[in-house]
Amino acid sequence: MERLARGRLMGREIERKFLVAGDGWRAGVVRSRAMAQAYIARGEHASVRVRIIDENSGRLTIKGRVSGLSRDEFEYEVPLEDARGLIALRSGRLLAKRRYDVMAGDRLWEVDVFEGELSGLVIAECELEREDEAVIRPDWLGREVTADPHYYNAALAVHGLPLAFAAARR
């Protein structure tokens, strides 16, 4: 991501996403924060998300359609009260999660532990510089879900837990 004027971030997001299989990641935690997020628009070409972080800051993010491991992403800081008002306009459920920044080797991972209706779902993501960049997988990673749209946050907000995940928990 490239930082531009007035708190605006833009660029190309390249990431891989995995289910988490165990608690080994907890040893590498360097920071955590609570997040509440909702989608105010979700379409074929883009989605618009609003997020409140630690009840003290708001962000508005527009994400383009996924192409391979990449998509366009534009992110803006918004006043907290605006973020709360936008969340009230949401389509689908409010997602609650705690995000942990985790160091594994020389790579930073973001591990999201979902709460509420999505409790039990734990997803790890790492951002890449290039789509062909090699990723050394920590032993606490499970199945890769990068290409599975059921695990996109926008889909979780509308449909809840993926059926395969819910069935595996029973």
Protein backbone atom coordinates (compact mmCIF):
# COMPACT_ATOMS: atom_id res chain seq x y z
CA MET A 1 0.00 0.00 0.00
CA GLU A 2 1.13 3.48 -0.75
CA ARG A 3 0.24 6.25 1.68
CA LEU A 4 -1.17 9.35 0.04
CA ALA A 5 -2.42 12.70 1.32
CA ARG A 6 -5.02 13.01 4.11
CA GLY A 7 -4.73 9.48 5.48
CA ARG A 8 -5.73 7.84 2.22
CA LEU A 9 -4.17 4.51 1.33
CA MET A 10 -4.32 3.11 -2.14
CA GLY A 11 -2.75 0.38 -4.07
CA ARG A 12 -2.91 -3.22 -4.91
CA GLU A 13 -3.54 -5.70 -2.11
CA ILE A 14 -1.82 -9.05 -2.64
CA GLU A 15 -2.50 -11.61 0.06
CA ARG A 16 -2.85 -15.26 0.90
CA LYS A 17 -5.35 -16.54 3.44
CA PHE A 18 -5.38 -19.73 5.54
CA LEU A 19 -7.47 -21.37 8.20
CA VAL A 20 -5.56 -21.66 11.47
CA ALA A 21 -4.98 -25.12 12.93
CA GLY A 22 -3.82 -24.72 16.50
CA ASP A 23 -2.63 -22.10 18.97
CA GLY A 24 1.08 -22.07 18.04
CA TRP A 25 0.67 -18.59 16.55
CA ARG A 26 0.03 -17.07 19.99
CA ALA A 27 3.76 -17.22 20.86
CA GLY A 28 4.49 -14.70 18.08
CA VAL A 29 1.84 -12.07 18.93
CA VAL A 30 3.22 -8.53 18.88
CA ARG A 31 -0.06 -6.56 18.96
CA SER A 32 -3.82 -6.99 18.94
CA ARG A 33 -6.88 -4.87 18.40
CA ALA A 34 -10.65 -5.31 18.45
CA MET A 35 -12.51 -4.76 15.20
CA ALA A 36 -16.13 -4.34 14.30
CA GLN A 37 -16.77 -4.22 10.59
CA ALA A 38 -19.70 -4.16 8.23
CA TYR A 39 -20.37 -3.92 4.52
CA ILE A 40 -22.45 -1.07 3.22
CA ALA A 41 -22.21 -2.22 -0.39
CA ARG A 42 -21.22 -5.50 -1.98
CA GLY A 43 -21.37 -5.94 -5.72
CA GLU A 44 -19.84 -7.85 -8.60
CA HIS A 45 -17.05 -5.32 -9.12
CA ALA A 46 -16.40 -3.88 -5.66
CA SER A 47 -17.30 -3.90 -1.99
CA VAL A 48 -17.41 -1.04 0.51
CA ARG A 49 -16.52 -1.81 4.11
CA VAL A 50 -16.54 0.30 7.25
CA ARG A 51 -14.49 -0.71 10.28
CA ILE A 52 -14.17 0.53 13.86
CA ILE A 53 -10.88 -0.31 15.51
CA ASP A 54 -10.60 -0.48 19.31
CA GLU A 55 -13.66 1.78 19.60
CA ASN A 56 -11.48 4.81 18.82
CA SER A 57 -10.95 5.06 15.05
CA GLY A 58 -12.88 4.45 11.85
CA ARG A 59 -11.84 3.37 8.36
CA LEU A 60 -13.72 3.16 5.10
CA THR A 61 -12.35 0.71 2.53
CA ILE A 62 -13.30 0.09 -1.09
CA LYS A 63 -12.02 -3.18 -2.52
CA GLY A 64 -12.11 -4.19 -6.17
CA ARG A 65 -12.74 -7.61 -7.64
CA VAL A 66 -10.18 -10.31 -6.88
CA SER A 67 -7.87 -11.28 -9.73
CA GLY A 68 -5.54 -14.11 -8.74
CA LEU A 69 -4.14 -13.11 -5.34
CA SER A 70 -4.60 -9.37 -6.00
CA ARG A 71 -7.20 -6.65 -5.95
CA ASP A 72 -7.37 -2.87 -5.84
CA GLU A 73 -7.87 -1.39 -2.40
CA PHE A 74 -8.58 2.20 -1.33
CA GLU A 75 -8.75 3.03 2.37
CA TYR A 76 -9.67 6.24 4.17
CA GLU A 77 -9.75 7.33 7.78
CA VAL A 78 -13.21 8.53 8.81
CA PRO A 79 -14.39 10.14 12.04
CA LEU A 80 -15.55 7.59 14.60
CA GLU A 81 -19.11 8.94 14.65
CA ASP A 82 -19.26 8.69 10.83
CA ALA A 83 -18.06 5.08 11.05
CA ARG A 84 -20.83 4.30 13.55
CA GLY A 85 -23.41 5.92 11.28
CA LEU A 86 -22.15 3.96 8.28
CA ILE A 87 -22.28 0.69 10.20
CA ALA A 88 -25.97 1.39 10.83
CA LEU A 89 -26.44 1.34 7.02
CA ARG A 90 -24.89 -2.12 6.68
CA SER A 91 -26.10 -5.00 4.62
CA GLY A 92 -25.71 -8.30 6.47
CA ARG A 93 -24.28 -8.98 9.90
CA LEU A 94 -21.78 -6.96 11.87
CA LEU A 95 -18.50 -8.89 12.05
CA ALA A 96 -16.71 -8.82 15.40
CA LYS A 97 -13.15 -10.07 15.66
CA ARG A 98 -9.84 -9.58 17.36
CA ARG A 99 -6.91 -9.16 15.01
CA TYR A 100 -3.47 -10.24 16.17
CA ASP A 101 -0.24 -9.22 14.45
CA VAL A 102 1.98 -12.29 14.61
CA MET A 103 5.65 -12.61 13.65
CA ALA A 104 6.60 -15.99 12.21
CA GLY A 105 10.15 -16.04 10.91
CA ASP A 106 10.62 -12.75 9.07
CA ARG A 107 6.97 -12.43 8.00
CA LEU A 108 4.13 -10.57 9.67
CA TRP A 109 0.83 -12.46 9.73
CA GLU A 110 -2.58 -11.09 10.68
CA VAL A 111 -4.62 -13.64 12.60
CA ASP A 112 -8.33 -12.87 12.93
CA VAL A 113 -10.22 -14.61 15.74
CA PHE A 114 -13.91 -14.14 15.01
CA GLU A 115 -16.49 -13.67 17.73
CA GLY A 116 -20.27 -13.96 18.05
CA GLU A 117 -22.01 -15.96 15.31
CA LEU A 118 -18.65 -16.70 13.69
CA SER A 119 -16.99 -17.87 16.89
CA GLY A 120 -14.53 -20.69 16.24
CA LEU A 121 -13.37 -19.31 12.90
CA VAL A 122 -9.70 -18.26 12.93
CA ILE A 123 -8.10 -17.04 9.71
CA ALA A 124 -4.50 -15.97 9.06
CA GLU A 125 -3.44 -13.69 6.21
CA CYS A 126 -0.13 -12.46 4.95
CA GLU A 127 0.39 -9.64 2.50
CA LEU A 128 2.84 -10.09 -0.34
CA GLU A 129 4.90 -7.79 -2.53
CA ARG A 130 4.36 -10.02 -5.59
CA GLU A 131 1.90 -12.77 -6.45
CA ASP A 132 4.74 -15.24 -7.06
CA GLU A 133 6.45 -14.49 -3.73
CA ALA A 134 7.29 -17.64 -1.77
CA VAL A 135 5.61 -18.06 1.61
CA ILE A 136 7.10 -20.24 4.32
CA ARG A 137 4.08 -21.67 6.10
CA PRO A 138 4.24 -21.75 9.89
CA ASP A 139 3.15 -25.10 11.33
CA TRP A 140 0.01 -23.55 12.82
CA LEU A 141 -1.51 -22.89 9.40
CA GLY A 142 -4.23 -25.17 8.12
CA ARG A 143 -5.92 -25.30 4.73
CA GLU A 144 -5.37 -22.42 2.32
CA VAL A 145 -8.61 -20.55 1.54
CA THR A 146 -7.22 -17.70 -0.57
CA ALA A 147 -9.33 -18.65 -3.59
CA ASP A 148 -12.43 -19.69 -1.64
CA PRO A 149 -14.90 -16.77 -1.70
CA HIS A 150 -16.85 -18.32 1.21
CA TYR A 151 -14.06 -17.09 3.50
CA TYR A 152 -14.04 -13.48 2.27
CA ASN A 153 -15.22 -11.18 5.04
CA ALA A 154 -17.92 -9.75 2.76
CA ALA A 155 -19.34 -13.27 2.26
CA LEU A 156 -19.12 -14.03 5.98
CA ALA A 157 -21.15 -10.87 6.66
CA VAL A 158 -23.93 -12.06 4.35
CA HIS A 159 -23.87 -15.86 4.65
CA GLY A 160 -22.22 -16.59 8.00
CA LEU A 161 -19.92 -19.56 8.51
CA PRO A 162 -19.15 -21.53 5.35
CA LEU A 163 -21.11 -24.81 5.34
CA ALA A 164 -17.95 -26.92 5.05
CA PHE A 165 -16.43 -25.19 8.08
CA ALA A 166 -19.60 -25.49 10.14
CA ALA A 167 -19.96 -29.19 9.24
CA ALA A 168 -16.33 -29.92 10.19
CA ARG A 169 -16.93 -28.42 13.66
CA ARG A 170 -19.75 -30.85 14.47
